[in-house]
Protein backbone atom coordinates (compact mmCIF):
# COMPACT_ATOMS: atom_id res chain seq x y z
CA MET A 1 178.17 -36.47 -6.73
CA THR A 2 179.89 -33.37 -8.78
CA SER A 3 179.36 -29.74 -7.50
CA GLU A 4 176.83 -29.51 -10.51
CA THR A 5 174.39 -31.91 -9.28
CA LEU A 6 174.38 -30.66 -5.49
CA ALA A 7 171.66 -28.62 -4.45
CA LYS A 8 172.79 -24.85 -3.84
CA THR A 9 171.33 -23.24 -0.80
CA PRO A 10 170.68 -19.52 -1.35
CA LEU A 11 173.51 -18.42 0.39
CA HIS A 12 175.95 -20.58 -1.83
CA ALA A 13 177.40 -17.36 -3.83
CA LEU A 14 177.79 -15.83 -0.38
CA HIS A 15 180.18 -18.59 0.67
CA LEU A 16 182.10 -18.58 -2.31
CA GLU A 17 182.56 -14.96 -1.82
CA LEU A 18 184.06 -15.36 1.92
CA GLY A 19 186.61 -17.98 0.56
CA ALA A 20 184.59 -21.04 2.04
CA ARG A 21 186.04 -24.49 1.53
CA MET A 22 183.00 -26.48 -0.07
CA VAL A 23 181.86 -29.94 0.57
CA PRO A 24 178.87 -32.16 -0.66
CA PHE A 25 176.94 -32.64 2.46
CA ALA A 26 173.28 -34.20 2.67
CA GLY A 27 172.98 -33.58 -1.35
CA TYR A 28 174.27 -30.06 -0.91
CA ASP A 29 177.44 -28.18 -1.95
CA MET A 30 177.80 -26.82 1.35
CA PRO A 31 180.69 -24.74 3.69
CA VAL A 32 182.85 -26.95 5.77
CA GLN A 33 184.63 -23.81 6.93
CA TYR A 34 186.00 -20.51 5.95
CA PRO A 35 189.61 -18.86 5.70
CA LEU A 36 189.48 -18.42 9.46
CA GLY A 37 189.20 -22.37 9.96
CA VAL A 38 187.31 -25.19 11.96
CA MET A 39 189.09 -24.03 15.24
CA LYS A 40 189.10 -20.49 15.49
CA GLU A 41 185.47 -21.10 14.30
CA HIS A 42 184.56 -22.98 17.12
CA GLN A 43 186.13 -21.03 19.63
CA HIS A 44 184.67 -17.35 18.04
CA THR A 45 181.05 -19.07 17.97
CA ARG A 46 181.82 -20.26 22.12
CA GLU A 47 182.87 -16.65 22.74
CA ALA A 48 181.23 -14.02 20.29
CA ALA A 49 178.65 -15.03 17.78
CA GLY A 50 178.79 -17.11 14.41
CA LEU A 51 176.68 -17.25 11.83
CA PHE A 52 175.49 -20.72 10.03
CA ASP A 53 173.49 -21.65 6.98
CA VAL A 54 171.54 -24.26 7.84
CA SER A 55 169.28 -23.93 4.89
CA HIS A 56 169.32 -27.54 3.24
CA MET A 57 167.56 -28.37 6.56
CA GLY A 58 163.66 -29.09 5.58
CA GLN A 59 160.84 -26.75 6.94
CA ILE A 60 157.43 -28.19 6.93
CA ILE A 61 153.77 -26.39 8.23
CA LEU A 62 150.75 -28.21 9.46
CA ARG A 63 147.76 -26.60 9.61
CA GLY A 64 144.15 -27.58 11.17
CA PRO A 65 142.32 -28.10 13.88
CA ASN A 66 143.24 -31.05 14.11
CA ALA A 67 147.36 -31.14 13.46
CA ALA A 68 148.70 -31.35 16.96
CA LYS A 69 147.22 -34.77 17.51
CA ALA A 70 147.57 -36.13 13.94
CA LEU A 71 151.80 -35.15 14.50
CA GLU A 72 151.06 -36.46 18.19
CA SER A 73 150.22 -39.81 16.51
CA LEU A 74 154.01 -40.36 14.97
CA VAL A 75 156.31 -39.07 17.82
CA PRO A 76 156.55 -39.82 21.48
CA VAL A 77 156.07 -36.07 22.33
CA ASP A 78 153.49 -34.27 23.84
CA ILE A 79 152.22 -31.78 21.17
CA ILE A 80 148.82 -31.41 22.01
CA ASP A 81 149.71 -29.15 25.31
CA LEU A 82 152.63 -27.64 23.28
CA PRO A 83 151.91 -23.74 24.17
CA VAL A 84 151.87 -21.42 21.52
CA GLY A 85 154.99 -19.64 20.92
CA MET A 86 157.28 -22.72 22.42
CA GLN A 87 159.39 -25.75 20.59
CA ARG A 88 160.02 -28.74 21.50
CA TYR A 89 162.52 -31.88 20.45
CA ALA A 90 160.82 -34.83 19.05
CA MET A 91 161.26 -38.04 16.95
CA PHE A 92 159.50 -40.05 14.11
CA THR A 93 159.27 -43.61 15.69
CA ASP A 94 158.88 -46.42 13.45
CA ASP A 95 157.09 -49.85 14.35
CA GLN A 96 159.88 -50.80 15.72
CA GLY A 97 160.32 -48.15 18.23
CA CYS A 98 163.33 -47.04 16.29
CA ILE A 99 164.35 -43.49 15.17
CA LEU A 100 163.30 -42.40 11.42
CA ASP A 101 164.27 -38.73 12.07
CA ASP A 102 164.67 -36.34 14.93
CA LEU A 103 163.09 -32.89 14.53
CA MET A 104 161.80 -29.87 16.29
CA VAL A 105 158.57 -28.80 16.79
CA ALA A 106 156.70 -25.42 17.26
CA ASN A 107 153.11 -23.92 17.89
CA LEU A 108 152.85 -20.96 15.56
CA GLY A 109 149.34 -20.87 17.12
CA ASP A 110 145.88 -20.49 14.87
CA ASP A 111 146.19 -24.45 14.76
CA THR A 112 149.34 -24.21 12.74
CA LEU A 113 152.52 -26.29 13.31
CA PHE A 114 156.08 -25.40 12.34
CA LEU A 115 158.68 -28.61 11.91
CA VAL A 116 162.56 -28.62 11.20
CA VAL A 117 163.45 -31.75 9.93
CA ASN A 118 167.18 -33.14 8.80
CA ALA A 119 168.32 -32.09 5.23
CA ALA A 120 168.95 -35.82 4.54
CA CYS A 121 165.90 -37.12 5.68
CA LYS A 122 163.14 -34.27 4.59
CA HIS A 123 161.85 -36.17 1.38
CA GLN A 124 161.27 -39.02 2.93
CA ASP A 125 159.76 -37.58 6.34
CA LEU A 126 157.65 -35.17 3.80
CA MET A 127 156.28 -38.63 2.27
CA HIS A 128 156.03 -40.10 5.87
CA LEU A 129 153.59 -37.28 6.92
CA GLN A 130 151.86 -37.21 3.82
CA LEU A 131 150.91 -41.24 4.22
CA GLN A 132 150.39 -40.74 7.93
CA ILE A 133 148.41 -37.83 8.29
CA ALA A 134 147.06 -36.32 5.27
CA SER A 135 143.57 -36.97 5.62
CA GLN A 136 143.94 -34.88 9.16
CA CYS A 137 145.56 -31.97 8.33
CA GLN A 138 147.39 -29.78 5.47
CA ILE A 139 150.82 -30.63 4.80
CA GLU A 140 153.15 -27.54 3.17
CA PRO A 141 156.99 -27.83 2.77
CA CYS A 142 158.33 -24.78 2.56
CA PHE A 143 161.49 -26.09 1.47
CA ASP A 144 162.16 -22.89 -0.55
CA ARG A 145 162.99 -21.04 2.75
CA ALA A 146 166.55 -20.69 3.84
CA LEU A 147 167.44 -21.23 7.65
CA LEU A 148 170.15 -19.19 9.31
CA ALA A 149 171.68 -20.38 12.93
CA LEU A 150 173.47 -17.06 15.05
CA GLN A 151 174.60 -18.83 17.81
CA GLY A 152 176.89 -17.55 20.58
CA PRO A 153 177.35 -15.78 24.01
CA GLN A 154 176.65 -12.33 21.63
CA ALA A 155 174.30 -13.33 19.48
CA VAL A 156 171.59 -11.89 21.12
CA ASP A 157 173.27 -8.12 21.35
CA VAL A 158 173.71 -8.89 17.58
CA LEU A 159 169.91 -9.71 16.71
CA ALA A 160 168.44 -7.80 19.25
CA ARG A 161 169.67 -4.61 16.97
CA LEU A 162 167.59 -5.59 14.08
CA ALA A 163 164.37 -6.73 16.25
CA PRO A 164 165.27 -5.71 20.05
CA GLU A 165 161.98 -7.99 21.10
CA VAL A 166 164.11 -11.07 20.42
CA SER A 167 166.41 -10.25 23.81
CA LYS A 168 162.92 -10.77 26.18
CA MET A 169 162.84 -14.25 24.21
CA THR A 170 164.06 -17.59 26.17
CA PHE A 171 165.49 -20.87 25.38
CA MET A 172 162.91 -22.73 22.94
CA GLN A 173 160.36 -19.75 22.21
CA PHE A 174 159.58 -19.24 18.75
CA ALA A 175 157.78 -16.09 17.42
CA PRO A 176 157.16 -14.56 14.03
CA VAL A 177 159.67 -11.37 13.66
CA ARG A 178 160.30 -9.13 11.26
CA LEU A 179 164.01 -8.65 10.40
CA LEU A 180 164.78 -6.06 7.93
CA GLY A 181 161.20 -5.50 7.03
CA VAL A 182 160.81 -8.96 6.19
CA ASP A 183 158.40 -11.94 7.65
CA CYS A 184 160.52 -14.42 9.91
CA PHE A 185 160.24 -16.88 12.06
CA VAL A 186 162.79 -17.09 14.88
CA SER A 187 163.30 -19.76 17.55
CA ARG A 188 166.14 -18.95 20.69
CA SER A 189 167.43 -22.61 19.99
CA GLY A 190 170.49 -24.09 18.58
CA TYR A 191 172.97 -26.76 17.78
CA THR A 192 176.10 -25.49 19.87
CA GLY A 193 175.21 -25.85 23.33
CA GLU A 194 175.52 -21.69 23.01
CA ASP A 195 172.49 -19.79 23.86
CA GLY A 196 171.78 -18.10 19.84
CA PHE A 197 168.78 -18.19 17.21
CA GLU A 198 167.88 -19.75 14.56
CA ILE A 199 165.96 -17.76 12.06
CA SER A 200 163.67 -19.08 8.92
CA VAL A 201 163.55 -16.44 5.91
CA PRO A 202 162.04 -16.14 2.59
CA ALA A 203 165.20 -17.28 0.37
CA ASP A 204 165.02 -14.43 -1.73
CA HIS A 205 165.82 -12.10 1.59
CA ALA A 206 168.37 -14.87 2.51
CA GLU A 207 171.46 -13.17 1.96
CA ALA A 208 170.43 -9.80 2.54
CA LEU A 209 169.94 -10.40 6.15
CA ALA A 210 173.20 -13.02 6.15
CA ARG A 211 175.42 -9.74 4.94
CA SER A 212 173.21 -7.54 7.68
CA LEU A 213 174.34 -9.78 10.97
CA LEU A 214 178.44 -10.29 8.99
CA ALA A 215 178.49 -6.58 8.81
CA GLU A 216 178.33 -6.86 12.66
CA PRO A 217 181.52 -7.21 14.72
CA GLU A 218 180.67 -9.93 16.93
CA VAL A 219 179.73 -12.23 13.88
CA ALA A 220 182.07 -14.65 11.75
CA ALA A 221 181.03 -16.80 9.28
CA ILE A 222 180.99 -20.50 10.68
CA GLY A 223 181.11 -23.83 8.48
CA LEU A 224 179.75 -27.65 8.88
CA GLY A 225 183.23 -28.47 10.44
CA ALA A 226 182.54 -26.25 13.65
CA ARG A 227 179.39 -26.94 13.93
CA ASP A 228 180.40 -31.03 14.49
CA SER A 229 182.92 -29.95 17.15
CA LEU A 230 180.49 -27.64 18.78
CA ARG A 231 177.56 -30.39 18.77
CA LEU A 232 179.61 -32.78 19.96
CA GLU A 233 181.18 -30.62 22.92
CA ALA A 234 177.51 -30.41 23.86
CA GLY A 235 176.59 -33.66 23.64
CA LEU A 236 173.82 -33.23 21.05
CA CYS A 237 173.21 -36.10 18.62
CA LEU A 238 173.35 -36.19 14.74
CA TYR A 239 170.90 -38.32 13.07
CA GLY A 240 172.33 -41.05 10.88
CA HIS A 241 175.57 -41.13 13.27
CA ASP A 242 174.52 -40.90 17.02
CA MET A 243 170.90 -42.63 16.31
CA SER A 244 168.75 -44.50 13.26
CA THR A 245 166.48 -46.65 12.27
CA SER A 246 168.57 -49.16 13.62
CA THR A 247 168.38 -47.51 17.51
CA THR A 248 165.40 -46.71 19.70
CA PRO A 249 165.03 -43.32 22.14
CA ILE A 250 166.16 -45.56 24.89
CA GLU A 251 169.87 -47.03 23.72
CA ALA A 252 169.92 -43.57 22.41
CA SER A 253 169.89 -42.16 25.77
CA LEU A 254 166.97 -40.25 25.21
CA LEU A 255 164.53 -41.26 27.09
CA TRP A 256 164.33 -37.06 28.29
CA ALA A 257 162.78 -36.37 25.22
CA ILE A 258 159.71 -38.50 25.20
CA SER A 259 157.27 -36.67 27.23
CA LYS A 260 156.19 -38.01 30.74
CA VAL A 261 152.17 -37.58 29.27
CA ARG A 262 153.34 -40.11 26.60
CA ARG A 263 155.18 -43.03 28.88
CA ALA A 264 153.63 -45.83 30.11
CA ASP A 265 152.27 -44.49 33.38
CA GLY A 266 151.09 -41.23 31.13
CA ALA A 267 147.65 -39.88 30.81
CA ARG A 268 148.37 -40.33 27.19
CA ALA A 269 150.55 -43.52 27.15
CA GLY A 270 151.82 -44.59 23.81
CA GLY A 271 149.76 -44.24 21.11
CA PHE A 272 152.72 -43.45 18.72
CA PRO A 273 154.70 -45.97 16.17
CA GLY A 274 156.70 -48.65 18.45
CA ALA A 275 155.68 -47.71 22.00
CA GLU A 276 155.41 -50.68 23.35
CA ARG A 277 158.97 -51.75 22.12
CA ILE A 278 160.20 -48.49 24.21
CA PHE A 279 158.07 -49.29 27.44
CA ALA A 280 159.66 -52.72 27.18
CA GLN A 281 162.95 -51.72 26.93
CA GLN A 282 162.67 -49.01 29.56
CA ARG A 283 161.03 -51.20 31.99
CA ASP A 284 163.84 -54.20 31.12
CA GLY A 285 166.75 -52.21 29.98
CA VAL A 286 168.75 -52.81 26.32
CA ALA A 287 171.71 -54.59 25.47
CA SER A 288 173.75 -51.31 24.66
CA LYS A 289 173.63 -47.78 25.16
CA ARG A 290 174.94 -44.11 23.50
CA VAL A 291 177.47 -42.81 25.93
CA GLY A 292 180.03 -39.92 26.26
CA LEU A 293 183.55 -41.03 26.15
CA LEU A 294 187.01 -39.49 26.79
CA PRO A 295 189.76 -40.50 25.10
CA GLN A 296 192.95 -40.41 27.86
CA GLU A 297 195.38 -39.80 25.13
CA ARG A 298 195.35 -36.93 22.44
CA VAL A 299 194.75 -39.41 19.58
CA PRO A 300 191.70 -38.64 17.99
CA VAL A 301 188.83 -41.23 18.31
CA ARG A 302 186.45 -41.20 15.07
CA GLU A 303 183.08 -42.80 14.08
CA GLY A 304 183.25 -46.34 13.29
CA ALA A 305 186.04 -47.43 15.69
CA GLU A 306 185.42 -50.39 18.04
CA ILE A 307 185.30 -50.17 21.58
CA VAL A 308 186.74 -53.30 23.75
CA ASP A 309 187.14 -54.46 27.29
CA ALA A 310 190.01 -54.83 29.30
CA ASP A 311 190.28 -58.28 27.87
CA GLY A 312 190.09 -57.25 23.97
CA ASN A 313 186.30 -57.89 23.40
CA VAL A 314 184.54 -56.14 21.18
CA ILE A 315 182.01 -54.12 23.42
CA GLY A 316 180.24 -51.43 21.44
CA SER A 317 181.88 -48.74 18.44
CA VAL A 318 182.07 -45.12 18.15
CA CYS A 319 179.43 -43.41 16.55
CA SER A 320 181.28 -39.89 16.76
CA GLY A 321 184.37 -38.51 17.35
CA GLY A 322 186.60 -35.71 16.77
CA PHE A 323 188.69 -33.04 18.83
CA GLY A 324 186.54 -30.51 20.87
CA PRO A 325 189.04 -27.20 20.82
CA THR A 326 187.03 -25.84 23.76
CA LEU A 327 187.99 -28.93 26.12
CA GLY A 328 191.42 -28.91 24.88
CA GLY A 329 191.35 -32.24 23.63
CA PRO A 330 189.56 -35.57 21.91
CA VAL A 331 185.81 -36.08 22.83
CA ALA A 332 183.55 -39.14 21.31
CA MET A 333 180.18 -40.48 21.78
CA GLY A 334 179.81 -44.27 21.23
CA TYR A 335 177.48 -47.21 22.04
CA VAL A 336 178.72 -49.89 24.38
CA GLN A 337 177.46 -52.73 26.06
CA SER A 338 175.11 -51.93 29.45
CA SER A 339 177.61 -53.93 31.61
CA HIS A 340 179.83 -50.75 31.11
CA ILE A 341 178.15 -47.57 30.24
CA ALA A 342 178.59 -46.51 34.37
CA LEU A 343 180.56 -43.47 34.38
CA ASP A 344 184.28 -43.41 34.43
CA THR A 345 184.18 -47.08 33.46
CA PRO A 346 187.52 -47.53 31.48
CA VAL A 347 186.95 -48.50 27.49
CA TRP A 348 189.20 -48.74 24.91
CA ALA A 349 189.23 -47.48 21.12
CA MET A 350 190.78 -49.39 18.46
CA VAL A 351 193.22 -46.80 16.46
CA ARG A 352 194.90 -48.23 13.75
CA GLY A 353 195.07 -51.42 15.34
CA LYS A 354 196.37 -49.95 18.78
CA ARG A 355 194.53 -49.44 22.09
CA VAL A 356 193.58 -46.20 23.09
CA ALA A 357 192.45 -45.71 26.44
CA MET A 358 189.11 -43.99 27.49
CA LYS A 359 186.70 -43.61 30.18
CA VAL A 360 183.21 -43.34 29.95
CA ALA A 361 182.00 -39.67 30.60
CA LYS A 362 179.23 -37.56 31.60
CA THR A 363 177.83 -35.29 28.74
CA PRO A 364 177.73 -32.18 27.68
CA PHE A 365 181.31 -32.36 27.55
CA VAL A 366 181.39 -28.59 27.77
CA PRO A 367 178.54 -26.97 29.91
CA GLN A 368 175.39 -25.60 28.15
CA ARG A 369 174.78 -22.34 28.10
CA TYR A 370 171.04 -21.91 26.86
CA TYR A 371 169.13 -18.59 27.98
CA ARG A 372 166.19 -19.31 29.86
CA GLY A 373 165.40 -16.11 31.80
């Protein structure tokens, strides 16, 4: 795709003004880095506050007294008992129990749910919802809204200058908040492992809000490059890489995201696509699983690299990899045969025909610092 045919977020002109290097991403022309550079942008987010444009993500509202029950029929997550003002991580599964997309679901109250889905999947997710549950609730795409993420330990100080009430929010809380006189939705969450906020704002007010936040001394503009290294250090999955329509939540090591009430022995067991296969895998195990991997040499191990055992047998492949600036070395995640998933198991990645020693490691690689109050 050329830059002319790529979609643009409401902050596109601002990115160019700030000197961003733009790349195609999920059909959009997006900033991969600014003049500060990926390494410094990453460190700035860990130390102060970074502003990310994530307006390419899809925002969808579900309305109606049956909205929670309807959505719960598509995800292995407790939506019915999701408290008003809270957000939860969820996954759409298919009939084989594989992951169609992952998403965030918030309860706005008044029989209204607010969804944030991945950019590359948003049109198919909308179609999936319309096909499966349109008869049970109203489905409103809000693809004309922008989404900003303000991440880092000083994010709360910055946002509280515009809306003091956000300082009382805790991790995964969600609230309507007025910012610069405009009605926004704010969640205390993010994709960096740091404390921070995601802000849904009408598209025509996004630039004014972004400029206001960037004017604060703690805030720097951060691109997709640092967003990826931050989420990788935090052990967070990227859809289409660390999970896909060929992996189940069990294989992706996402059992924690299946609500207890929806599991085989739960009060509302099953009732979502692929439940029986997922329950069978939970009971009987799987052939391979996603694990954290720490290369033992200063060689970046990238997505797609084969993983082998001591005898050179292929036992898996890397699904995400790169350099972890906070950790000070390369980090990766990959799928390996279940016989090799124990912590500290030695494995090797094949990089340009050479074996690079790695060991299976616990994620997150860097401690998560979400604010839980």
